[in-house]
N, C-alpha and C. Protein backbone atom coordinates (compact mmCIF):
# COMPACT_ATOMS: atom_id res chain seq x y z
N MET A 1 92.82 27.85 131.62
CA MET A 1 94.24 27.79 131.13
C MET A 1 94.93 26.73 131.73
N GLN A 2 95.44 25.71 131.50
CA GLN A 2 96.22 24.56 132.13
C GLN A 2 97.69 24.97 132.43
N LEU A 3 97.93 25.12 133.77
CA LEU A 3 99.56 25.16 134.00
C LEU A 3 99.94 24.00 134.88
N ALA A 4 101.38 23.93 134.86
CA ALA A 4 102.09 22.72 135.46
C ALA A 4 102.78 23.57 136.81
N HIS A 5 102.03 24.12 137.43
CA HIS A 5 102.61 24.75 138.41
C HIS A 5 103.33 23.91 139.78
N VAL A 6 104.46 23.82 140.00
CA VAL A 6 105.13 22.73 141.13
C VAL A 6 104.63 23.49 142.37
N SER A 7 104.07 22.57 143.33
CA SER A 7 103.97 22.94 144.62
C SER A 7 103.83 21.59 145.36
N GLY A 8 104.52 21.56 146.71
CA GLY A 8 105.12 20.43 147.37
C GLY A 8 104.04 19.81 148.33
N GLY A 9 104.51 18.63 148.96
CA GLY A 9 103.77 18.06 149.90
C GLY A 9 102.25 17.38 149.54
N THR A 10 101.57 17.39 150.59
CA THR A 10 100.30 16.90 150.57
C THR A 10 99.35 17.54 149.60
N ARG A 11 99.18 18.76 149.91
CA ARG A 11 98.37 19.90 149.21
C ARG A 11 98.27 19.56 147.61
N SER A 12 99.62 19.48 147.19
CA SER A 12 99.52 19.23 145.59
C SER A 12 99.09 18.01 145.16
N VAL A 13 99.01 16.89 145.96
CA VAL A 13 98.70 15.60 145.65
C VAL A 13 96.95 15.57 145.81
N TYR A 14 96.32 16.33 146.73
CA TYR A 14 94.95 16.67 146.69
C TYR A 14 94.44 17.61 145.59
N ASN A 15 95.18 18.38 145.18
CA ASN A 15 94.79 19.37 144.10
C ASN A 15 94.60 18.35 142.87
N HIS A 16 95.89 17.83 142.69
CA HIS A 16 95.90 17.06 141.31
C HIS A 16 94.72 16.04 141.09
N ALA A 17 94.18 15.61 142.30
CA ALA A 17 93.19 14.60 142.27
C ALA A 17 91.70 15.30 142.19
N ALA A 18 91.67 16.66 142.78
CA ALA A 18 90.49 17.27 142.75
C ALA A 18 90.24 17.87 141.29
N TYR A 19 91.35 18.14 140.53
CA TYR A 19 90.99 18.72 139.10
C TYR A 19 91.00 17.79 138.01
N LEU A 20 91.33 16.63 138.22
CA LEU A 20 91.36 15.45 137.43
C LEU A 20 90.42 15.62 136.26
N ALA A 21 89.20 15.40 136.64
CA ALA A 21 88.37 15.48 135.69
C ALA A 21 88.30 16.73 134.78
N THR A 22 88.51 17.87 135.73
CA THR A 22 88.18 18.99 134.48
C THR A 22 89.53 18.86 133.76
N ARG A 23 90.58 18.78 134.11
CA ARG A 23 92.10 18.61 133.47
C ARG A 23 91.51 17.67 132.01
N ARG A 24 90.96 16.58 132.15
CA ARG A 24 90.68 15.59 131.33
C ARG A 24 89.67 16.22 130.26
N GLU A 25 88.71 16.59 130.69
CA GLU A 25 87.78 17.43 129.78
C GLU A 25 88.71 18.61 129.04
N MET A 26 89.21 19.56 129.55
CA MET A 26 89.97 20.35 128.92
C MET A 26 90.92 19.73 127.84
N MET A 27 91.32 18.74 128.28
CA MET A 27 92.61 18.24 127.30
C MET A 27 91.76 17.60 126.13
N GLN A 28 90.61 16.79 126.30
CA GLN A 28 89.76 16.10 125.42
C GLN A 28 89.36 17.46 124.28
N PHE A 29 88.79 18.39 124.88
CA PHE A 29 88.41 19.51 123.99
C PHE A 29 89.49 20.03 123.05
N TRP A 30 90.60 20.11 123.45
CA TRP A 30 91.98 20.44 122.97
C TRP A 30 92.23 19.60 121.69
N ALA A 31 92.36 18.20 122.13
CA ALA A 31 92.43 17.16 121.26
C ALA A 31 91.29 17.15 119.89
N ASP A 32 90.01 17.39 120.54
CA ASP A 32 89.20 17.36 119.17
C ASP A 32 89.37 18.56 118.59
N TRP A 33 89.76 19.83 118.97
CA TRP A 33 90.10 20.88 118.34
C TRP A 33 91.18 20.62 117.44
N LEU A 34 92.05 20.12 117.80
CA LEU A 34 93.37 19.87 116.70
C LEU A 34 92.77 18.80 115.77
N ASP A 35 91.95 17.67 115.99
CA ASP A 35 91.64 17.18 114.98
C ASP A 35 90.92 17.72 113.84
N GLU A 36 90.00 18.63 114.26
CA GLU A 36 89.45 19.46 113.40
C GLU A 36 90.28 20.10 112.67
N LYS A 37 91.15 20.81 113.11
CA LYS A 37 92.16 21.81 112.27
C LYS A 37 93.48 21.28 111.75
N VAL A 38 94.00 20.01 111.81
CA VAL A 38 95.23 19.50 111.40
C VAL A 38 94.72 18.56 110.48
N PRO A 39 95.16 18.49 109.29
CA PRO A 39 94.73 17.62 108.14
C PRO A 39 95.39 16.19 108.39
């Protein structure tokens, strides 16, 4: 599940970069699923 929790400081910047590829893959999966379901 993708959540947009807010955390501050340097830690949040590193976490964003660390999970970028995973988030991109998950969002592409969601977009592909929507393309199949929505006429």
